[in-house]
PDB file of N, CA and C in Angstrom:
ATOM      1  N   MET A   1      78.859  91.472  66.310  1.00  0.00           N
ATOM      2  CA  MET A   1      77.670  92.707  66.452  1.00  0.00           C
ATOM      3  C   MET A   1      76.957  92.126  68.019  1.00  0.00           C
ATOM      4  N   ILE A   2      76.443  91.156  68.372  1.00  0.00           N
ATOM      5  CA  ILE A   2      75.623  90.887  69.709  1.00  0.00           C
ATOM      6  C   ILE A   2      76.587  91.062  70.589  1.00  0.00           C
ATOM      7  N   MET A   3      77.994  90.648  70.646  1.00  0.00           N
ATOM      8  CA  MET A   3      78.966  91.217  71.614  1.00  0.00           C
ATOM      9  C   MET A   3      78.807  92.476  71.643  1.00  0.00           C
ATOM     10  N   ALA A   4      78.995  93.128  70.612  1.00  0.00           N
ATOM     11  CA  ALA A   4      79.210  94.855  70.827  1.00  0.00           C
ATOM     12  C   ALA A   4      77.709  95.220  71.308  1.00  0.00           C
ATOM     13  N   ASP A   5      76.887  94.955  70.999  1.00  0.00           N
ATOM     14  CA  ASP A   5      75.985  95.546  71.955  1.00  0.00           C
ATOM     15  C   ASP A   5      75.718  95.177  73.374  1.00  0.00           C
ATOM     16  N   ARG A   6      76.319  93.981  73.783  1.00  0.00           N
ATOM     17  CA  ARG A   6      76.085  93.834  75.129  1.00  0.00           C
ATOM     18  C   ARG A   6      77.299  94.514  75.516  1.00  0.00           C
ATOM     19  N   ILE A   7      78.251  95.087  75.491  1.00  0.00           N
ATOM     20  CA  ILE A   7      79.369  95.449  75.698  1.00  0.00           C
ATOM     21  C   ILE A   7      78.678  97.033  75.984  1.00  0.00           C
ATOM     22  N   VAL A   8      77.858  97.530  75.127  1.00  0.00           N
ATOM     23  CA  VAL A   8      77.553  99.063  75.331  1.00  0.00           C
ATOM     24  C   VAL A   8      76.550  99.161  76.358  1.00  0.00           C
ATOM     25  N   TRP A   9      75.476  98.024  76.183  1.00  0.00           N
ATOM     26  CA  TRP A   9      74.297  98.268  76.916  1.00  0.00           C
ATOM     27  C   TRP A   9      75.001  97.786  78.699  1.00  0.00           C
ATOM     28  N   THR A  10      76.330  97.225  78.753  1.00  0.00           N
ATOM     29  CA  THR A  10      76.755  96.754  79.967  1.00  0.00           C
ATOM     30  C   THR A  10      77.492  97.941  80.722  1.00  0.00           C
ATOM     31  N   LEU A  11      78.210  98.903  79.609  1.00  0.00           N
ATOM     32  CA  LEU A  11      78.840 100.494  79.868  1.00  0.00           C
ATOM     33  C   LEU A  11      77.584 101.010  80.560  1.00  0.00           C
ATOM     34  N   LEU A  12      76.498 101.387  79.569  1.00  0.00           N
ATOM     35  CA  LEU A  12      75.502 102.357  79.741  1.00  0.00           C
ATOM     36  C   LEU A  12      74.864 101.880  80.941  1.00  0.00           C
ATOM     37  N   PHE A  13      74.533 100.603  81.600  1.00  0.00           N
ATOM     38  CA  PHE A  13      74.079 100.733  82.907  1.00  0.00           C
ATOM     39  C   PHE A  13      75.170 100.768  83.892  1.00  0.00           C
ATOM     40  N   LEU A  14      76.199 100.451  83.940  1.00  0.00           N
ATOM     41  CA  LEU A  14      77.578 101.231  84.499  1.00  0.00           C
ATOM     42  C   LEU A  14      77.620 102.606  84.889  1.00  0.00           C
ATOM     43  N   CYS A  15      77.342 103.242  83.839  1.00  0.00           N
ATOM     44  CA  CYS A  15      77.414 104.674  84.008  1.00  0.00           C
ATOM     45  C   CYS A  15      76.396 105.234  84.595  1.00  0.00           C
ATOM     46  N   ASN A  16      75.155 104.505  84.646  1.00  0.00           N
ATOM     47  CA  ASN A  16      73.817 104.968  85.615  1.00  0.00           C
ATOM     48  C   ASN A  16      74.117 104.823  86.978  1.00  0.00           C
ATOM     49  N   LEU A  17      75.013 103.688  87.442  1.00  0.00           N
ATOM     50  CA  LEU A  17      75.092 103.485  88.683  1.00  0.00           C
ATOM     51  C   LEU A  17      76.433 104.709  89.318  1.00  0.00           C
ATOM     52  N   ILE A  18      76.601 104.943  88.569  1.00  0.00           N
ATOM     53  CA  ILE A  18      78.059 106.406  89.185  1.00  0.00           C
ATOM     54  C   ILE A  18      76.920 107.080  90.029  1.00  0.00           C
ATOM     55  N   GLN A  19      75.939 107.435  89.491  1.00  0.00           N
ATOM     56  CA  GLN A  19      74.969 108.551  90.527  1.00  0.00           C
ATOM     57  C   GLN A  19      74.640 107.925  91.888  1.00  0.00           C
ATOM     58  N   PHE A  20      74.692 106.815  92.082  1.00  0.00           N
ATOM     59  CA  PHE A  20      74.543 105.846  93.228  1.00  0.00           C
ATOM     60  C   PHE A  20      75.431 105.868  93.895  1.00  0.00           C
ATOM     61  N   SER A  21      76.609 105.921  93.504  1.00  0.00           N
ATOM     62  CA  SER A  21      77.931 105.961  94.478  1.00  0.00           C
ATOM     63  C   SER A  21      78.352 106.910  95.702  1.00  0.00           C
ATOM     64  N   ASN A  22      79.280 106.318  96.383  1.00  0.00           N
ATOM     65  CA  ASN A  22      79.379 107.532  97.363  1.00  0.00           C
ATOM     66  C   ASN A  22      81.283 107.381  97.229  1.00  0.00           C
ATOM     67  N   SER A  23      81.815 108.607  97.344  1.00  0.00           N
ATOM     68  CA  SER A  23      83.195 108.432  97.399  1.00  0.00           C
ATOM     69  C   SER A  23      83.847 109.079  98.408  1.00  0.00           C
ATOM     70  N   SER A  24      85.014 108.867  98.716  1.00  0.00           N
ATOM     71  CA  SER A  24      85.821 109.151  99.722  1.00  0.00           C
ATOM     72  C   SER A  24      86.783 110.355  99.310  1.00  0.00           C
ATOM     73  N   CYS A  25      87.239 110.440  98.351  1.00  0.00           N
ATOM     74  CA  CYS A  25      87.773 111.358  97.836  1.00  0.00           C
ATOM     75  C   CYS A  25      87.749 112.190  96.700  1.00  0.00           C
ATOM     76  N   MET A  26      87.984 113.609  96.603  1.00  0.00           N
ATOM     77  CA  MET A  26      88.124 114.648  95.392  1.00  0.00           C
ATOM     78  C   MET A  26      89.262 115.035  95.048  1.00  0.00           C
ATOM     79  N   ARG A  27      89.241 115.632  94.142  1.00  0.00           N
ATOM     80  CA  ARG A  27      90.728 115.948  93.349  1.00  0.00           C
ATOM     81  C   ARG A  27      90.550 117.194  92.604  1.00  0.00           C
ATOM     82  N   THR A  28      91.201 118.677  93.320  1.00  0.00           N
ATOM     83  CA  THR A  28      91.157 119.802  92.467  1.00  0.00           C
ATOM     84  C   THR A  28      91.954 119.701  91.161  1.00  0.00           C
ATOM     85  N   MET A  29      90.952 120.988  90.314  1.00  0.00           N
ATOM     86  CA  MET A  29      92.349 121.237  89.165  1.00  0.00           C
ATOM     87  C   MET A  29      93.498 121.475  89.430  1.00  0.00           C
ATOM     88  N   PRO A  30      94.409 121.072  88.220  1.00  0.00           N
ATOM     89  CA  PRO A  30      96.075 121.408  88.132  1.00  0.00           C
ATOM     90  C   PRO A  30      96.002 122.724  88.636  1.00  0.00           C
ATOM     91  N   GLN A  31      96.944 123.273  89.232  1.00  0.00           N
ATOM     92  CA  GLN A  31      97.307 124.788  88.994  1.00  0.00           C
ATOM     93  C   GLN A  31      98.986 125.185  88.151  1.00  0.00           C
ATOM     94  N   PRO A  32      98.708 124.967  87.010  1.00  0.00           N
ATOM     95  CA  PRO A  32     100.110 125.391  86.252  1.00  0.00           C
ATOM     96  C   PRO A  32     100.893 126.607  87.066  1.00  0.00           C
ATOM     97  N   GLY A  33     102.208 126.503  87.308  1.00  0.00           N
ATOM     98  CA  GLY A  33     103.200 127.643  87.664  1.00  0.00           C
ATOM     99  C   GLY A  33     102.976 127.833  89.437  1.00  0.00           C
ATOM    100  N   THR A  34     102.136 127.329  90.182  1.00  0.00           N
ATOM    101  CA  THR A  34     101.781 127.335  91.272  1.00  0.00           C
ATOM    102  C   THR A  34     102.966 127.026  92.474  1.00  0.00           C
ATOM    103  N   MET A  35     103.070 127.520  93.383  1.00  0.00           N
ATOM    104  CA  MET A  35     104.066 126.521  94.303  1.00  0.00           C
ATOM    105  C   MET A  35     103.638 126.055  95.294  1.00  0.00           C
ATOM    106  N   GLN A  36     102.181 125.848  95.911  1.00  0.00           N
ATOM    107  CA  GLN A  36     101.379 125.630  96.559  1.00  0.00           C
ATOM    108  C   GLN A  36     100.420 124.998  96.582  1.00  0.00           C
ATOM    109  N   CYS A  37      99.317 124.673  97.094  1.00  0.00           N
ATOM    110  CA  CYS A  37      98.411 123.729  96.887  1.00  0.00           C
ATOM    111  C   CYS A  37      97.197 124.741  97.939  1.00  0.00           C
ATOM    112  N   VAL A  38      96.183 125.434  97.901  1.00  0.00           N
ATOM    113  CA  VAL A  38      95.055 125.624  99.130  1.00  0.00           C
ATOM    114  C   VAL A  38      93.497 125.155  98.565  1.00  0.00           C
ATOM    115  N   TYR A  39      93.590 124.501  99.780  1.00  0.00           N
ATOM    116  CA  TYR A  39      91.812 124.309  99.641  1.00  0.00           C
ATOM    117  C   TYR A  39      91.273 124.668 101.261  1.00  0.00           C
ATOM    118  N   LYS A  40      90.291 125.212 101.050  1.00  0.00           N
ATOM    119  CA  LYS A  40      89.791 125.888 102.303  1.00  0.00           C
ATOM    120  C   LYS A  40      90.740 126.673 103.017  1.00  0.00           C
ATOM    121  N   ASN A  41      90.846 126.226 104.328  1.00  0.00           N
ATOM    122  CA  ASN A  41      92.011 126.579 105.183  1.00  0.00           C
ATOM    123  C   ASN A  41      92.983 125.910 105.202  1.00  0.00           C
ATOM    124  N   VAL A  42      93.707 124.911 104.462  1.00  0.00           N
ATOM    125  CA  VAL A  42      94.879 124.466 104.342  1.00  0.00           C
ATOM    126  C   VAL A  42      95.484 125.015 103.214  1.00  0.00           C
ATOM    127  N   THR A  43      96.685 124.981 103.268  1.00  0.00           N
ATOM    128  CA  THR A  43      98.031 125.717 102.360  1.00  0.00           C
ATOM    129  C   THR A  43      98.965 124.314 102.335  1.00  0.00           C
ATOM    130  N   LEU A  44      99.597 123.764 101.491  1.00  0.00           N
ATOM    131  CA  LEU A  44     100.456 123.023 101.143  1.00  0.00           C
ATOM    132  C   LEU A  44     101.560 123.303  99.912  1.00  0.00           C
ATOM    133  N   PRO A  45     102.757 122.949 100.563  1.00  0.00           N
ATOM    134  CA  PRO A  45     103.797 122.876  99.662  1.00  0.00           C
ATOM    135  C   PRO A  45     103.668 122.010  98.459  1.00  0.00           C
ATOM    136  N   LEU A  46     103.954 121.791  97.350  1.00  0.00           N
ATOM    137  CA  LEU A  46     103.822 120.937  95.932  1.00  0.00           C
ATOM    138  C   LEU A  46     104.244 119.734  96.847  1.00  0.00           C
ATOM    139  N   GLY A  47     104.250 118.400  96.643  1.00  0.00           N
ATOM    140  CA  GLY A  47     104.523 117.233  97.217  1.00  0.00           C
ATOM    141  C   GLY A  47     104.549 117.319  98.365  1.00  0.00           C
ATOM    142  N   HIS A  48     103.551 117.753  99.426  1.00  0.00           N
ATOM    143  CA  HIS A  48     103.494 117.524 100.722  1.00  0.00           C
ATOM    144  C   HIS A  48     102.057 116.873 101.054  1.00  0.00           C
ATOM    145  N   SER A  49     101.737 116.439 102.064  1.00  0.00           N
ATOM    146  CA  SER A  49     100.290 116.057 102.444  1.00  0.00           C
ATOM    147  C   SER A  49     100.134 116.406 103.749  1.00  0.00           C
ATOM    148  N   TYR A  50      99.193 116.206 104.543  1.00  0.00           N
ATOM    149  CA  TYR A  50      98.866 116.786 105.423  1.00  0.00           C
ATOM    150  C   TYR A  50      97.298 115.929 106.209  1.00  0.00           C
ATOM    151  N   THR A  51      97.452 115.392 107.288  1.00  0.00           N
ATOM    152  CA  THR A  51      96.062 114.732 108.105  1.00  0.00           C
ATOM    153  C   THR A  51      95.405 115.569 108.877  1.00  0.00           C
ATOM    154  N   ASP A  52      94.485 115.730 108.854  1.00  0.00           N
ATOM    155  CA  ASP A  52      93.586 116.543 109.867  1.00  0.00           C
ATOM    156  C   ASP A  52      92.663 115.659 110.557  1.00  0.00           C
ATOM    157  N   TYR A  53      93.150 115.231 111.897  1.00  0.00           N
ATOM    158  CA  TYR A  53      92.760 114.182 112.331  1.00  0.00           C
ATOM    159  C   TYR A  53      91.356 114.714 113.253  1.00  0.00           C
ATOM    160  N   THR A  54      90.931 116.198 113.441  1.00  0.00           N
ATOM    161  CA  THR A  54      89.992 116.463 113.758  1.00  0.00           C
ATOM    162  C   THR A  54      88.696 116.349 112.742  1.00  0.00           C
ATOM    163  N   ASN A  55      88.827 116.741 111.514  1.00  0.00           N
ATOM    164  CA  ASN A  55      87.968 116.582 110.588  1.00  0.00           C
ATOM    165  C   ASN A  55      87.768 115.260 109.824  1.00  0.00           C
ATOM    166  N   CYS A  56      89.101 114.118 109.989  1.00  0.00           N
ATOM    167  CA  CYS A  56      89.184 113.148 109.583  1.00  0.00           C
ATOM    168  C   CYS A  56      89.357 113.143 108.032  1.00  0.00           C
ATOM    169  N   ILE A  57      90.330 114.700 107.536  1.00  0.00           N
ATOM    170  CA  ILE A  57      90.615 114.609 106.328  1.00  0.00           C
ATOM    171  C   ILE A  57      91.727 114.379 105.797  1.00  0.00           C
ATOM    172  N   GLU A  58      92.445 113.920 105.051  1.00  0.00           N
ATOM    173  CA  GLU A  58      93.791 113.685 104.341  1.00  0.00           C
ATOM    174  C   GLU A  58      93.888 114.583 102.908  1.00  0.00           C
ATOM    175  N   HIS A  59      94.759 115.801 102.927  1.00  0.00           N
ATOM    176  CA  HIS A  59      95.270 116.541 102.071  1.00  0.00           C
ATOM    177  C   HIS A  59      96.837 116.279 101.525  1.00  0.00           C
ATOM    178  N   SER A  60      96.776 115.782  99.785  1.00  0.00           N
ATOM    179  CA  SER A  60      97.659 115.780  99.511  1.00  0.00           C
ATOM    180  C   SER A  60      97.991 116.939  98.102  1.00  0.00           C
ATOM    181  N   CYS A  61      99.549 117.324  98.391  1.00  0.00           N
ATOM    182  CA  CYS A  61      99.402 118.426  97.119  1.00  0.00           C
ATOM    183  C   CYS A  61     100.444 117.925  95.915  1.00  0.00           C
ATOM    184  N   SER A  62      99.794 117.563  94.746  1.00  0.00           N
ATOM    185  CA  SER A  62     100.738 116.938  93.807  1.00  0.00           C
ATOM    186  C   SER A  62     101.689 118.058  93.069  1.00  0.00           C
ATOM    187  N   SER A  63     102.561 117.510  92.250  1.00  0.00           N
ATOM    188  CA  SER A  63     103.544 118.681  92.019  1.00  0.00           C
ATOM    189  C   SER A  63     103.085 119.253  90.668  1.00  0.00           C
ATOM    190  N   ASP A  64     101.807 118.909  90.206  1.00  0.00           N
ATOM    191  CA  ASP A  64     100.929 119.708  89.313  1.00  0.00           C
ATOM    192  C   ASP A  64     100.277 121.017  89.588  1.00  0.00           C
ATOM    193  N   GLY A  65     100.165 121.056  90.972  1.00  0.00           N
ATOM    194  CA  GLY A  65      99.571 122.132  91.830  1.00  0.00           C
ATOM    195  C   GLY A  65      98.046 121.278  91.925  1.00  0.00           C
ATOM    196  N   SER A  66      97.670 120.156  91.773  1.00  0.00           N
ATOM    197  CA  SER A  66      96.358 119.947  92.083  1.00  0.00           C
ATOM    198  C   SER A  66      96.199 119.021  93.677  1.00  0.00           C
ATOM    199  N   MET A  67      95.200 119.225  94.000  1.00  0.00           N
ATOM    200  CA  MET A  67      95.641 118.866  95.624  1.00  0.00           C
ATOM    201  C   MET A  67      94.084 117.600  95.395  1.00  0.00           C
ATOM    202  N   THR A  68      94.563 116.464  96.298  1.00  0.00           N
ATOM    203  CA  THR A  68      93.509 115.337  96.619  1.00  0.00           C
ATOM    204  C   THR A  68      93.307 115.741  98.017  1.00  0.00           C
ATOM    205  N   ILE A  69      91.725 115.601  98.323  1.00  0.00           N
ATOM    206  CA  ILE A  69      91.533 115.270  99.488  1.00  0.00           C
ATOM    207  C   ILE A  69      90.376 114.372  99.989  1.00  0.00           C
ATOM    208  N   CYS A  70      90.890 113.528 100.962  1.00  0.00           N
ATOM    209  CA  CYS A  70      90.408 111.914 100.832  1.00  0.00           C
ATOM    210  C   CYS A  70      90.077 112.112 102.534  1.00  0.00           C
ATOM    211  N   GLY A  71      88.482 111.420 102.723  1.00  0.00           N
ATOM    212  CA  GLY A  71      88.342 111.390 103.927  1.00  0.00           C
ATOM    213  C   GLY A  71      88.722 110.038 104.602  1.00  0.00           C
ATOM    214  N   ILE A  72      89.180 110.227 105.603  1.00  0.00           N
ATOM    215  CA  ILE A  72      90.023 108.954 106.277  1.00  0.00           C
ATOM    216  C   ILE A  72      88.924 108.389 107.774  1.00  0.00           C
ATOM    217  N   GLY A  73      89.293 106.959 107.777  1.00  0.00           N
ATOM    218  CA  GLY A  73      88.814 106.201 108.794  1.00  0.00           C
ATOM    219  C   GLY A  73      87.266 106.233 108.856  1.00  0.00           C
ATOM    220  N   ILE A  74      86.623 107.145 110.216  1.00  0.00           N
ATOM    221  CA  ILE A  74      84.997 107.065 109.872  1.00  0.00           C
ATOM    222  C   ILE A  74      84.208 108.009 108.540  1.00  0.00           C
ATOM    223  N   HIS A  75      85.686 108.838 108.155  1.00  0.00           N
ATOM    224  CA  HIS A  75      84.710 109.426 107.167  1.00  0.00           C
ATOM    225  C   HIS A  75      85.087 109.069 105.744  1.00  0.00           C
ATOM    226  N   ALA A  76      85.684 107.701 105.440  1.00  0.00           N
ATOM    227  CA  ALA A  76      86.297 107.442 104.599  1.00  0.00           C
ATOM    228  C   ALA A  76      85.131 106.728 103.265  1.00  0.00           C
ATOM    229  N   GLY A  77      84.255 106.694 103.776  1.00  0.00           N
ATOM    230  CA  GLY A  77      83.047 106.114 103.065  1.00  0.00           C
ATOM    231  C   GLY A  77      81.516 106.097 103.843  1.00  0.00           C
ATOM    232  N   VAL A  78      80.461 105.486 103.466  1.00  0.00           N
ATOM    233  CA  VAL A  78      79.328 105.251 104.177  1.00  0.00           C
ATOM    234  C   VAL A  78      79.307 103.994 104.577  1.00  0.00           C
ATOM    235  N   MET A  79      79.272 104.082 105.938  1.00  0.00           N
ATOM    236  CA  MET A  79      79.566 103.024 106.928  1.00  0.00           C
ATOM    237  C   MET A  79      77.844 102.706 107.485  1.00  0.00           C
ATOM    238  N   LEU A  80      77.206 101.554 107.483  1.00  0.00           N
ATOM    239  CA  LEU A  80      75.918 100.960 108.215  1.00  0.00           C
ATOM    240  C   LEU A  80      76.014 100.438 109.459  1.00  0.00           C
ATOM    241  N   PRO A  81      76.065 100.768 110.171  1.00  0.00           N
ATOM    242  CA  PRO A  81      76.271  99.665 111.806  1.00  0.00           C
ATOM    243  C   PRO A  81      75.033  98.997 111.374  1.00  0.00           C
ATOM    244  N   PRO A  82      75.653  97.433 112.375  1.00  0.00           N
ATOM    245  CA  PRO A  82      74.432  96.349 112.435  1.00  0.00           C
ATOM    246  C   PRO A  82      73.278  96.995 113.319  1.00  0.00           C
ATOM    247  N   ASP A  83      72.566  96.312 113.117  1.00  0.00           N
ATOM    248  CA  ASP A  83      71.170  96.503 113.920  1.00  0.00           C
ATOM    249  C   ASP A  83      71.497  96.687 115.432  1.00  0.00           C
ATOM    250  N   GLY A  84      70.791  97.959 116.316  1.00  0.00           N
ATOM    251  CA  GLY A  84      70.987  97.820 117.641  1.00  0.00           C
ATOM    252  C   GLY A  84      72.694  98.559 117.996  1.00  0.00           C
ATOM    253  N   CYS A  85      73.048  99.083 116.803  1.00  0.00           N
ATOM    254  CA  CYS A  85      74.468  99.672 116.980  1.00  0.00           C
ATOM    255  C   CYS A  85      74.635 101.229 116.575  1.00  0.00           C
ATOM    256  N   ALA A  86      75.521 101.676 116.743  1.00  0.00           N
ATOM    257  CA  ALA A  86      75.537 103.092 116.405  1.00  0.00           C
ATOM    258  C   ALA A  86      77.453 103.159 116.094  1.00  0.00           C
ATOM    259  N   ILE A  87      77.827 104.096 115.337  1.00  0.00           N
ATOM    260  CA  ILE A  87      79.098 104.508 114.990  1.00  0.00           C
ATOM    261  C   ILE A  87      79.738 105.498 115.446  1.00  0.00           C
ATOM    262  N   LEU A  88      80.931 105.601 116.311  1.00  0.00           N
ATOM    263  CA  LEU A  88      81.576 106.652 117.109  1.00  0.00           C
ATOM    264  C   LEU A  88      83.082 106.977 116.623  1.00  0.00           C
ATOM    265  N   LYS A  89      83.386 107.986 116.481  1.00  0.00           N
ATOM    266  CA  LYS A  89      84.950 108.146 116.018  1.00  0.00           C
ATOM    267  C   LYS A  89      85.732 107.659 117.034  1.00  0.00           C
ATOM    268  N   GLY A  90      86.401 106.959 116.716  1.00  0.00           N
ATOM    269  CA  GLY A  90      87.659 106.601 117.766  1.00  0.00           C
ATOM    270  C   GLY A  90      88.742 107.539 117.523  1.00  0.00           C
ATOM    271  N   GLU A  91      90.083 106.753 117.996  1.00  0.00           N
ATOM    272  CA  GLU A  91      91.487 107.690 118.097  1.00  0.00           C
ATOM    273  C   GLU A  91      91.711 107.636 117.059  1.00  0.00           C
ATOM    274  N   LYS A  92      92.059 108.615 116.586  1.00  0.00           N
ATOM    275  CA  LYS A  92      92.649 108.839 115.148  1.00  0.00           C
ATOM    276  C   LYS A  92      91.975 108.856 113.912  1.00  0.00           C
ATOM    277  N   CYS A  93      90.583 108.990 114.029  1.00  0.00           N
ATOM    278  CA  CYS A  93      89.304 108.817 113.316  1.00  0.00           C
ATOM    279  C   CYS A  93      89.020 107.253 113.140  1.00  0.00           C
ATOM    280  N   ALA A  94      89.379 106.652 113.743  1.00  0.00           N
ATOM    281  CA  ALA A  94      89.015 105.199 113.465  1.00  0.00           C
ATOM    282  C   ALA A  94      87.719 105.036 114.029  1.00  0.00           C
ATOM    283  N   PHE A  95      86.732 104.207 113.271  1.00  0.00           N
ATOM    284  CA  PHE A  95      85.420 104.086 113.714  1.00  0.00           C
ATOM    285  C   PHE A  95      85.251 102.506 114.739  1.00  0.00           C
ATOM    286  N   GLU A  96      84.388 103.164 115.637  1.00  0.00           N
ATOM    287  CA  GLU A  96      83.940 102.385 116.959  1.00  0.00           C
ATOM    288  C   GLU A  96      82.336 101.541 116.556  1.00  0.00           C
ATOM    289  N   PHE A  97      82.145 100.542 116.396  1.00  0.00           N
ATOM    290  CA  PHE A  97      80.647  99.703 116.786  1.00  0.00           C
ATOM    291  C   PHE A  97      80.054 100.056 118.237  1.00  0.00           C
ATOM    292  N   VAL A  98      79.411 101.101 118.776  1.00  0.00           N
ATOM    293  CA  VAL A  98      78.670 100.749 119.759  1.00  0.00           C
ATOM    294  C   VAL A  98      77.400 100.511 120.408  1.00  0.00           C
ATOM    295  N   SER A  99      76.825 100.483 121.146  1.00  0.00           N
ATOM    296  CA  SER A  99      75.171  99.928 121.354  1.00  0.00           C
ATOM    297  C   SER A  99      74.478 101.275 121.271  1.00  0.00           C
ATOM    298  N   ALA A 100      73.523 100.802 120.633  1.00  0.00           N
ATOM    299  CA  ALA A 100      72.604 102.509 120.191  1.00  0.00           C
ATOM    300  C   ALA A 100      72.171 102.842 121.393  1.00  0.00           C
ATOM    301  N   ARG A 101      71.853 101.970 122.554  1.00  0.00           N
ATOM    302  CA  ARG A 101      71.212 102.469 123.788  1.00  0.00           C
ATOM    303  C   ARG A 101      72.366 102.817 124.597  1.00  0.00           C
ATOM    304  N   ASP A 102      73.002 102.403 124.437  1.00  0.00           N
ATOM    305  CA  ASP A 102      74.566 102.589 125.876  1.00  0.00           C
ATOM    306  C   ASP A 102      75.536 102.887 124.927  1.00  0.00           C
ATOM    307  N   GLN A 103      76.213 104.035 124.670  1.00  0.00           N
ATOM    308  CA  GLN A 103      77.378 104.174 123.799  1.00  0.00           C
ATOM    309  C   GLN A 103      78.902 103.489 124.765  1.00  0.00           C
ATOM    310  N   THR A 104      78.314 103.207 125.717  1.00  0.00           N
ATOM    311  CA  THR A 104      79.786 102.931 126.947  1.00  0.00           C
ATOM    312  C   THR A 104      80.221 101.383 126.671  1.00  0.00           C
ATOM    313  N   ILE A 105      79.082 100.799 125.516  1.00  0.00           N
ATOM    314  CA  ILE A 105      78.964  99.435 125.564  1.00  0.00           C
ATOM    315  C   ILE A 105      79.520  99.133 123.923  1.00  0.00           C
ATOM    316  N   LYS A 106      80.576  98.568 123.855  1.00  0.00           N
ATOM    317  CA  LYS A 106      80.962  98.517 122.433  1.00  0.00           C
ATOM    318  C   LYS A 106      80.098  97.116 121.798  1.00  0.00           C
ATOM    319  N   CYS A 107      79.823  97.524 120.389  1.00  0.00           N
ATOM    320  CA  CYS A 107      78.995  96.317 119.645  1.00  0.00           C
ATOM    321  C   CYS A 107      79.790  95.436 119.060  1.00  0.00           C
ATOM    322  N   GLU A 108      79.561  94.132 119.440  1.00  0.00           N
ATOM    323  CA  GLU A 108      80.115  93.443 118.325  1.00  0.00           C
ATOM    324  C   GLU A 108      79.386  93.320 116.758  1.00  0.00           C
ATOM    325  N   ALA A 109      80.615  93.261 115.782  1.00  0.00           N
ATOM    326  CA  ALA A 109      79.819  93.166 114.567  1.00  0.00           C
ATOM    327  C   ALA A 109      80.747  92.310 113.626  1.00  0.00           C
ATOM    328  N   ASP A 110      80.191  91.220 113.018  1.00  0.00           N
ATOM    329  CA  ASP A 110      80.622  90.564 111.822  1.00  0.00           C
ATOM    330  C   ASP A 110      81.034  91.441 110.570  1.00  0.00           C
ATOM    331  N   ILE A 111      82.080  92.092 110.354  1.00  0.00           N
ATOM    332  CA  ILE A 111      82.611  93.287 109.427  1.00  0.00           C
ATOM    333  C   ILE A 111      82.460  92.152 107.876  1.00  0.00           C
ATOM    334  N   PHE A 112      82.510  90.764 108.015  1.00  0.00           N
ATOM    335  CA  PHE A 112      82.245  90.311 106.263  1.00  0.00           C
ATOM    336  C   PHE A 112      81.233  89.859 105.941  1.00  0.00           C
ATOM    337  N   GLY A 113      80.096  90.256 107.231  1.00  0.00           N
ATOM    338  CA  GLY A 113      78.677  89.538 106.841  1.00  0.00           C
ATOM    339  C   GLY A 113      78.929  87.979 107.058  1.00  0.00           C
TER     340      GLY A 113
END
């Protein structure tokens, strides 16, 4: 019984953390009988994908008519630059760390802490 209590309390704790998480993807509801997915200004045939490098978003249309929209590169999630650095959008949505004072100077960052 003690093990079951621990599992329940652990699940409740983890469920409370969900509100603090940041996600980089969302999915629309399936649209039975449709031949395409539509989200804002993007329309895709079933089974196709599209990468929008201007807004750093990838759109994918599933065979059930649902659409997955994910941030890529600089929009893939929440990133905090090291002290004294800023984040800039690079080529194809890659992120670059630059000096917060002079954005022409690259900032060295220890990715894994």
